[in-house]
Amino acid sequence: MADTFDIELTADSFGGDCVGRLPDGRAVFVPFGITGERVRIELTTEKRNFARGRITAILDPSPLRIKPRCRHFADCGGCH
């Protein structure tokens, strides 16, 4: 089972990912997040100085979050 963490997304990064911090201080890059959200993530890649993760649950959504217009939004990668 992959490591899971509850984190706050604090900034946007180049490429559209959001950035949060793991308990050990490393930055974690998370796609499909919005700055200010509190999310549960599962780590997908771990490096010495940073990690990448995917959202498994949105604990405290941003008021800016909207439902995607396309039902394939998170799967196909064609929409931005």
PDB file of N, CA and C in Angstrom:
ATOM      1  N   MET A   1       0.843  -1.188   0.000  1.00  0.00           N
ATOM      2  CA  MET A   1       0.000   0.000   0.000  1.00  0.00           C
ATOM      3  C   MET A   1       0.882   1.243   0.000  1.00  0.00           C
ATOM      4  N   ALA A   2       0.521   2.225  -0.791  1.00  0.00           N
ATOM      5  CA  ALA A   2       1.287   3.467  -0.894  1.00  0.00           C
ATOM      6  C   ALA A   2       1.049   4.337   0.332  1.00  0.00           C
ATOM      7  N   ASP A   3       2.011   5.209   0.615  1.00  0.00           N
ATOM      8  CA  ASP A   3       1.861   6.144   1.727  1.00  0.00           C
ATOM      9  C   ASP A   3       0.788   7.172   1.392  1.00  0.00           C
ATOM     10  N   THR A   4      -0.059   7.495   2.378  1.00  0.00           N
ATOM     11  CA  THR A   4      -1.074   8.536   2.204  1.00  0.00           C
ATOM     12  C   THR A   4      -0.868   9.615   3.259  1.00  0.00           C
ATOM     13  N   PHE A   5      -1.176  10.849   2.885  1.00  0.00           N
ATOM     14  CA  PHE A   5      -1.008  11.997   3.764  1.00  0.00           C
ATOM     15  C   PHE A   5      -2.155  12.965   3.554  1.00  0.00           C
ATOM     16  N   ASP A   6      -2.534  13.675   4.598  1.00  0.00           N
ATOM     17  CA  ASP A   6      -3.467  14.793   4.504  1.00  0.00           C
ATOM     18  C   ASP A   6      -2.626  16.062   4.499  1.00  0.00           C
ATOM     19  N   ILE A   7      -2.711  16.841   3.411  1.00  0.00           N
ATOM     20  CA  ILE A   7      -1.882  18.041   3.280  1.00  0.00           C
ATOM     21  C   ILE A   7      -2.721  19.216   2.806  1.00  0.00           C
ATOM     22  N   GLU A   8      -2.170  20.421   2.987  1.00  0.00           N
ATOM     23  CA  GLU A   8      -2.771  21.622   2.416  1.00  0.00           C
ATOM     24  C   GLU A   8      -1.966  22.010   1.193  1.00  0.00           C
ATOM     25  N   LEU A   9      -2.662  22.330   0.113  1.00  0.00           N
ATOM     26  CA  LEU A   9      -2.004  22.779  -1.111  1.00  0.00           C
ATOM     27  C   LEU A   9      -1.788  24.284  -0.983  1.00  0.00           C
ATOM     28  N   THR A  10      -0.533  24.718  -1.065  1.00  0.00           N
ATOM     29  CA  THR A  10      -0.195  26.100  -0.732  1.00  0.00           C
ATOM     30  C   THR A  10       0.213  26.966  -1.910  1.00  0.00           C
ATOM     31  N   ALA A  11       0.516  26.371  -3.064  1.00  0.00           N
ATOM     32  CA  ALA A  11       0.975  27.173  -4.202  1.00  0.00           C
ATOM     33  C   ALA A  11       0.771  26.412  -5.500  1.00  0.00           C
ATOM     34  N   ASP A  12       0.758  27.154  -6.604  1.00  0.00           N
ATOM     35  CA  ASP A  12       0.727  26.559  -7.935  1.00  0.00           C
ATOM     36  C   ASP A  12       2.160  26.409  -8.424  1.00  0.00           C
ATOM     37  N   SER A  13       2.382  25.429  -9.290  1.00  0.00           N
ATOM     38  CA  SER A  13       3.716  25.253  -9.855  1.00  0.00           C
ATOM     39  C   SER A  13       3.628  25.252 -11.375  1.00  0.00           C
ATOM     40  N   PHE A  14       4.769  25.395 -12.011  1.00  0.00           N
ATOM     41  CA  PHE A  14       4.851  25.354 -13.462  1.00  0.00           C
ATOM     42  C   PHE A  14       4.312  24.015 -13.946  1.00  0.00           C
ATOM     43  N   GLY A  15       3.466  24.033 -14.934  1.00  0.00           N
ATOM     44  CA  GLY A  15       2.905  22.800 -15.461  1.00  0.00           C
ATOM     45  C   GLY A  15       1.511  22.499 -14.937  1.00  0.00           C
ATOM     46  N   GLY A  16       1.016  23.289 -13.983  1.00  0.00           N
ATOM     47  CA  GLY A  16      -0.351  23.133 -13.518  1.00  0.00           C
ATOM     48  C   GLY A  16      -0.536  22.342 -12.248  1.00  0.00           C
ATOM     49  N   ASP A  17       0.497  21.728 -11.718  1.00  0.00           N
ATOM     50  CA  ASP A  17       0.369  21.011 -10.453  1.00  0.00           C
ATOM     51  C   ASP A  17       0.299  22.000  -9.294  1.00  0.00           C
ATOM     52  N   CYS A  18      -0.240  21.544  -8.180  1.00  0.00           N
ATOM     53  CA  CYS A  18      -0.210  22.331  -6.942  1.00  0.00           C
ATOM     54  C   CYS A  18       0.880  21.762  -6.046  1.00  0.00           C
ATOM     55  N   VAL A  19       1.356  22.572  -5.134  1.00  0.00           N
ATOM     56  CA  VAL A  19       2.437  22.178  -4.245  1.00  0.00           C
ATOM     57  C   VAL A  19       1.939  22.193  -2.811  1.00  0.00           C
ATOM     58  N   GLY A  20       2.309  21.166  -2.091  1.00  0.00           N
ATOM     59  CA  GLY A  20       2.076  21.097  -0.652  1.00  0.00           C
ATOM     60  C   GLY A  20       3.352  20.609   0.011  1.00  0.00           C
ATOM     61  N   ARG A  21       3.302  20.400   1.306  1.00  0.00           N
ATOM     62  CA  ARG A  21       4.475  19.905   2.039  1.00  0.00           C
ATOM     63  C   ARG A  21       4.118  18.635   2.798  1.00  0.00           C
ATOM     64  N   LEU A  22       5.007  17.670   2.727  1.00  0.00           N
ATOM     65  CA  LEU A  22       4.866  16.451   3.503  1.00  0.00           C
ATOM     66  C   LEU A  22       5.333  16.721   4.937  1.00  0.00           C
ATOM     67  N   PRO A  23       4.979  15.859   5.887  1.00  0.00           N
ATOM     68  CA  PRO A  23       5.413  16.076   7.269  1.00  0.00           C
ATOM     69  C   PRO A  23       6.931  16.190   7.437  1.00  0.00           C
ATOM     70  N   ASP A  24       7.707  15.564   6.547  1.00  0.00           N
ATOM     71  CA  ASP A  24       9.173  15.659   6.644  1.00  0.00           C
ATOM     72  C   ASP A  24       9.729  16.920   5.983  1.00  0.00           C
ATOM     73  N   GLY A  25       8.854  17.786   5.446  1.00  0.00           N
ATOM     74  CA  GLY A  25       9.284  19.051   4.864  1.00  0.00           C
ATOM     75  C   GLY A  25       9.470  19.041   3.361  1.00  0.00           C
ATOM     76  N   ARG A  26       9.468  17.864   2.741  1.00  0.00           N
ATOM     77  CA  ARG A  26       9.630  17.799   1.291  1.00  0.00           C
ATOM     78  C   ARG A  26       8.418  18.377   0.586  1.00  0.00           C
ATOM     79  N   ALA A  27       8.677  19.013  -0.562  1.00  0.00           N
ATOM     80  CA  ALA A  27       7.585  19.487  -1.408  1.00  0.00           C
ATOM     81  C   ALA A  27       6.959  18.283  -2.092  1.00  0.00           C
ATOM     82  N   VAL A  28       5.643  18.345  -2.272  1.00  0.00           N
ATOM     83  CA  VAL A  28       4.938  17.307  -3.013  1.00  0.00           C
ATOM     84  C   VAL A  28       4.097  17.990  -4.087  1.00  0.00           C
ATOM     85  N   PHE A  29       4.220  17.523  -5.329  1.00  0.00           N
ATOM     86  CA  PHE A  29       3.516  18.083  -6.480  1.00  0.00           C
ATOM     87  C   PHE A  29       2.295  17.217  -6.764  1.00  0.00           C
ATOM     88  N   VAL A  30       1.126  17.887  -6.861  1.00  0.00           N
ATOM     89  CA  VAL A  30      -0.143  17.176  -6.973  1.00  0.00           C
ATOM     90  C   VAL A  30      -0.958  17.744  -8.141  1.00  0.00           C
ATOM     91  N   PRO A  31      -1.252  16.931  -9.164  1.00  0.00           N
ATOM     92  CA  PRO A  31      -2.098  17.416 -10.259  1.00  0.00           C
ATOM     93  C   PRO A  31      -3.562  17.516  -9.833  1.00  0.00           C
ATOM     94  N   PHE A  32      -4.304  18.391 -10.503  1.00  0.00           N
ATOM     95  CA  PHE A  32      -5.746  18.583 -10.328  1.00  0.00           C
ATOM     96  C   PHE A  32      -6.128  19.187  -8.973  1.00  0.00           C
ATOM     97  N   GLY A  33      -5.175  19.766  -8.261  1.00  0.00           N
ATOM     98  CA  GLY A  33      -5.474  20.446  -7.001  1.00  0.00           C
ATOM     99  C   GLY A  33      -5.630  21.940  -7.217  1.00  0.00           C
ATOM    100  N   ILE A  34      -6.176  22.611  -6.204  1.00  0.00           N
ATOM    101  CA  ILE A  34      -6.332  24.063  -6.238  1.00  0.00           C
ATOM    102  C   ILE A  34      -5.725  24.616  -4.953  1.00  0.00           C
ATOM    103  N   THR A  35      -4.936  25.670  -5.090  1.00  0.00           N
ATOM    104  CA  THR A  35      -4.311  26.292  -3.932  1.00  0.00           C
ATOM    105  C   THR A  35      -5.354  26.592  -2.859  1.00  0.00           C
ATOM    106  N   GLY A  36      -5.046  26.231  -1.621  1.00  0.00           N
ATOM    107  CA  GLY A  36      -5.944  26.459  -0.500  1.00  0.00           C
ATOM    108  C   GLY A  36      -6.756  25.237  -0.097  1.00  0.00           C
ATOM    109  N   GLU A  37      -6.758  24.219  -0.919  1.00  0.00           N
ATOM    110  CA  GLU A  37      -7.513  23.012  -0.586  1.00  0.00           C
ATOM    111  C   GLU A  37      -6.739  22.141   0.397  1.00  0.00           C
ATOM    112  N   ARG A  38      -7.476  21.408   1.199  1.00  0.00           N
ATOM    113  CA  ARG A  38      -6.898  20.367   2.044  1.00  0.00           C
ATOM    114  C   ARG A  38      -7.297  19.046   1.406  1.00  0.00           C
ATOM    115  N   VAL A  39      -6.301  18.206   1.091  1.00  0.00           N
ATOM    116  CA  VAL A  39      -6.546  16.975   0.348  1.00  0.00           C
ATOM    117  C   VAL A  39      -5.829  15.789   0.993  1.00  0.00           C
ATOM    118  N   ARG A  40      -6.337  14.616   0.704  1.00  0.00           N
ATOM    119  CA  ARG A  40      -5.636  13.373   1.056  1.00  0.00           C
ATOM    120  C   ARG A  40      -4.971  12.904  -0.222  1.00  0.00           C
ATOM    121  N   ILE A  41      -3.674  12.641  -0.135  1.00  0.00           N
ATOM    122  CA  ILE A  41      -2.925  12.215  -1.314  1.00  0.00           C
ATOM    123  C   ILE A  41      -2.281  10.860  -1.080  1.00  0.00           C
ATOM    124  N   GLU A  42      -2.017  10.196  -2.180  1.00  0.00           N
ATOM    125  CA  GLU A  42      -1.257   8.960  -2.183  1.00  0.00           C
ATOM    126  C   GLU A  42       0.013   9.235  -2.979  1.00  0.00           C
ATOM    127  N   LEU A  43       1.155   8.931  -2.421  1.00  0.00           N
ATOM    128  CA  LEU A  43       2.408   9.191  -3.121  1.00  0.00           C
ATOM    129  C   LEU A  43       2.561   8.232  -4.302  1.00  0.00           C
ATOM    130  N   THR A  44       2.969   8.800  -5.434  1.00  0.00           N
ATOM    131  CA  THR A  44       3.209   7.996  -6.631  1.00  0.00           C
ATOM    132  C   THR A  44       4.696   7.920  -6.964  1.00  0.00           C
ATOM    133  N   THR A  45       5.458   8.936  -6.569  1.00  0.00           N
ATOM    134  CA  THR A  45       6.904   8.996  -6.805  1.00  0.00           C
ATOM    135  C   THR A  45       7.557   9.667  -5.616  1.00  0.00           C
ATOM    136  N   GLU A  46       8.637   9.093  -5.123  1.00  0.00           N
ATOM    137  CA  GLU A  46       9.394   9.708  -4.035  1.00  0.00           C
ATOM    138  C   GLU A  46      10.844   9.887  -4.446  1.00  0.00           C
ATOM    139  N   LYS A  47      11.342  11.100  -4.261  1.00  0.00           N
ATOM    140  CA  LYS A  47      12.753  11.423  -4.472  1.00  0.00           C
ATOM    141  C   LYS A  47      13.305  11.954  -3.159  1.00  0.00           C
ATOM    142  N   ARG A  48      14.593  12.216  -3.120  1.00  0.00           N
ATOM    143  CA  ARG A  48      15.212  12.688  -1.885  1.00  0.00           C
ATOM    144  C   ARG A  48      14.676  14.052  -1.453  1.00  0.00           C
ATOM    145  N   ASN A  49      14.452  14.969  -2.419  1.00  0.00           N
ATOM    146  CA  ASN A  49      14.066  16.338  -2.080  1.00  0.00           C
ATOM    147  C   ASN A  49      12.615  16.691  -2.372  1.00  0.00           C
ATOM    148  N   PHE A  50      11.888  15.813  -3.059  1.00  0.00           N
ATOM    149  CA  PHE A  50      10.495  16.103  -3.384  1.00  0.00           C
ATOM    150  C   PHE A  50       9.754  14.799  -3.656  1.00  0.00           C
ATOM    151  N   ALA A  51       8.448  14.912  -3.832  1.00  0.00           N
ATOM    152  CA  ALA A  51       7.616  13.748  -4.162  1.00  0.00           C
ATOM    153  C   ALA A  51       6.497  14.191  -5.097  1.00  0.00           C
ATOM    154  N   ARG A  52       5.837  13.236  -5.686  1.00  0.00           N
ATOM    155  CA  ARG A  52       4.641  13.477  -6.490  1.00  0.00           C
ATOM    156  C   ARG A  52       3.534  12.604  -5.918  1.00  0.00           C
ATOM    157  N   GLY A  53       2.314  13.133  -5.989  1.00  0.00           N
ATOM    158  CA  GLY A  53       1.197  12.369  -5.454  1.00  0.00           C
ATOM    159  C   GLY A  53      -0.057  12.587  -6.259  1.00  0.00           C
ATOM    160  N   ARG A  54      -1.080  11.791  -5.958  1.00  0.00           N
ATOM    161  CA  ARG A  54      -2.383  11.956  -6.601  1.00  0.00           C
ATOM    162  C   ARG A  54      -3.436  12.092  -5.510  1.00  0.00           C
ATOM    163  N   ILE A  55      -4.445  12.880  -5.793  1.00  0.00           N
ATOM    164  CA  ILE A  55      -5.515  13.124  -4.831  1.00  0.00           C
ATOM    165  C   ILE A  55      -6.403  11.890  -4.748  1.00  0.00           C
ATOM    166  N   THR A  56      -6.629  11.418  -3.521  1.00  0.00           N
ATOM    167  CA  THR A  56      -7.570  10.324  -3.307  1.00  0.00           C
ATOM    168  C   THR A  56      -8.863  10.839  -2.684  1.00  0.00           C
ATOM    169  N   ALA A  57      -8.796  12.006  -2.019  1.00  0.00           N
ATOM    170  CA  ALA A  57      -9.997  12.621  -1.434  1.00  0.00           C
ATOM    171  C   ALA A  57      -9.754  14.114  -1.261  1.00  0.00           C
ATOM    172  N   ILE A  58     -10.784  14.896  -1.496  1.00  0.00           N
ATOM    173  CA  ILE A  58     -10.723  16.336  -1.243  1.00  0.00           C
ATOM    174  C   ILE A  58     -11.416  16.568   0.090  1.00  0.00           C
ATOM    175  N   LEU A  59     -10.643  16.919   1.105  1.00  0.00           N
ATOM    176  CA  LEU A  59     -11.169  17.073   2.454  1.00  0.00           C
ATOM    177  C   LEU A  59     -11.831  18.419   2.675  1.00  0.00           C
ATOM    178  N   ASP A  60     -11.240  19.470   2.126  1.00  0.00           N
ATOM    179  CA  ASP A  60     -11.768  20.830   2.244  1.00  0.00           C
ATOM    180  C   ASP A  60     -11.616  21.500   0.878  1.00  0.00           C
ATOM    181  N   PRO A  61     -12.659  21.440   0.027  1.00  0.00           N
ATOM    182  CA  PRO A  61     -12.523  21.958  -1.335  1.00  0.00           C
ATOM    183  C   PRO A  61     -12.457  23.478  -1.392  1.00  0.00           C
ATOM    184  N   SER A  62     -11.813  23.966  -2.429  1.00  0.00           N
ATOM    185  CA  SER A  62     -11.760  25.397  -2.698  1.00  0.00           C
ATOM    186  C   SER A  62     -13.116  25.853  -3.232  1.00  0.00           C
ATOM    187  N   PRO A  63     -13.531  27.086  -2.918  1.00  0.00           N
ATOM    188  CA  PRO A  63     -14.760  27.604  -3.518  1.00  0.00           C
ATOM    189  C   PRO A  63     -14.613  27.797  -5.032  1.00  0.00           C
ATOM    190  N   LEU A  64     -13.381  27.754  -5.542  1.00  0.00           N
ATOM    191  CA  LEU A  64     -13.138  27.896  -6.978  1.00  0.00           C
ATOM    192  C   LEU A  64     -13.297  26.583  -7.740  1.00  0.00           C
ATOM    193  N   ARG A  65     -13.413  25.475  -7.025  1.00  0.00           N
ATOM    194  CA  ARG A  65     -13.520  24.167  -7.681  1.00  0.00           C
ATOM    195  C   ARG A  65     -14.881  24.048  -8.368  1.00  0.00           C
ATOM    196  N   ILE A  66     -14.841  23.591  -9.622  1.00  0.00           N
ATOM    197  CA  ILE A  66     -16.078  23.351 -10.372  1.00  0.00           C
ATOM    198  C   ILE A  66     -16.063  21.916 -10.892  1.00  0.00           C
ATOM    199  N   LYS A  67     -17.222  21.416 -11.233  1.00  0.00           N
ATOM    200  CA  LYS A  67     -17.313  20.089 -11.818  1.00  0.00           C
ATOM    201  C   LYS A  67     -16.828  20.182 -13.266  1.00  0.00           C
ATOM    202  N   PRO A  68     -15.942  19.272 -13.704  1.00  0.00           N
ATOM    203  CA  PRO A  68     -15.468  19.301 -15.092  1.00  0.00           C
ATOM    204  C   PRO A  68     -16.624  19.174 -16.075  1.00  0.00           C
ATOM    205  N   ARG A  69     -16.542  19.883 -17.186  1.00  0.00           N
ATOM    206  CA  ARG A  69     -17.579  19.814 -18.214  1.00  0.00           C
ATOM    207  C   ARG A  69     -17.556  18.482 -18.954  1.00  0.00           C
ATOM    208  N   CYS A  70     -16.383  17.884 -19.041  1.00  0.00           N
ATOM    209  CA  CYS A  70     -16.217  16.627 -19.766  1.00  0.00           C
ATOM    210  C   CYS A  70     -16.051  15.482 -18.772  1.00  0.00           C
ATOM    211  N   ARG A  71     -16.785  14.407 -18.947  1.00  0.00           N
ATOM    212  CA  ARG A  71     -16.701  13.289 -18.004  1.00  0.00           C
ATOM    213  C   ARG A  71     -15.375  12.543 -18.097  1.00  0.00           C
ATOM    214  N   HIS A  72     -14.600  12.787 -19.156  1.00  0.00           N
ATOM    215  CA  HIS A  72     -13.308  12.131 -19.336  1.00  0.00           C
ATOM    216  C   HIS A  72     -12.126  13.014 -18.908  1.00  0.00           C
ATOM    217  N   PHE A  73     -12.412  14.142 -18.247  1.00  0.00           N
ATOM    218  CA  PHE A  73     -11.395  15.140 -17.925  1.00  0.00           C
ATOM    219  C   PHE A  73     -10.146  14.556 -17.294  1.00  0.00           C
ATOM    220  N   ALA A  74     -10.267  13.773 -16.252  1.00  0.00           N
ATOM    221  CA  ALA A  74      -9.098  13.274 -15.535  1.00  0.00           C
ATOM    222  C   ALA A  74      -8.423  12.092 -16.229  1.00  0.00           C
ATOM    223  N   ASP A  75      -9.078  11.494 -17.205  1.00  0.00           N
ATOM    224  CA  ASP A  75      -8.545  10.294 -17.834  1.00  0.00           C
ATOM    225  C   ASP A  75      -7.785  10.517 -19.133  1.00  0.00           C
ATOM    226  N   CYS A  76      -8.336  11.344 -20.045  1.00  0.00           N
ATOM    227  CA  CYS A  76      -7.751  11.397 -21.390  1.00  0.00           C
ATOM    228  C   CYS A  76      -6.640  12.425 -21.534  1.00  0.00           C
ATOM    229  N   GLY A  77      -6.673  13.499 -20.769  1.00  0.00           N
ATOM    230  CA  GLY A  77      -5.623  14.505 -20.862  1.00  0.00           C
ATOM    231  C   GLY A  77      -5.801  15.529 -21.955  1.00  0.00           C
ATOM    232  N   GLY A  78      -6.910  15.496 -22.683  1.00  0.00           N
ATOM    233  CA  GLY A  78      -7.135  16.435 -23.775  1.00  0.00           C
ATOM    234  C   GLY A  78      -7.601  17.802 -23.298  1.00  0.00           C
ATOM    235  N   CYS A  79      -8.261  17.868 -22.167  1.00  0.00           N
ATOM    236  CA  CYS A  79      -8.781  19.132 -21.623  1.00  0.00           C
ATOM    237  C   CYS A  79      -7.738  19.759 -20.693  1.00  0.00           C
ATOM    238  N   HIS A  80      -7.851  21.045 -20.499  1.00  0.00           N
ATOM    239  CA  HIS A  80      -6.944  21.724 -19.583  1.00  0.00           C
ATOM    240  C   HIS A  80      -7.723  22.293 -18.422  1.00  0.00           C
TER     241      HIS A  80
END
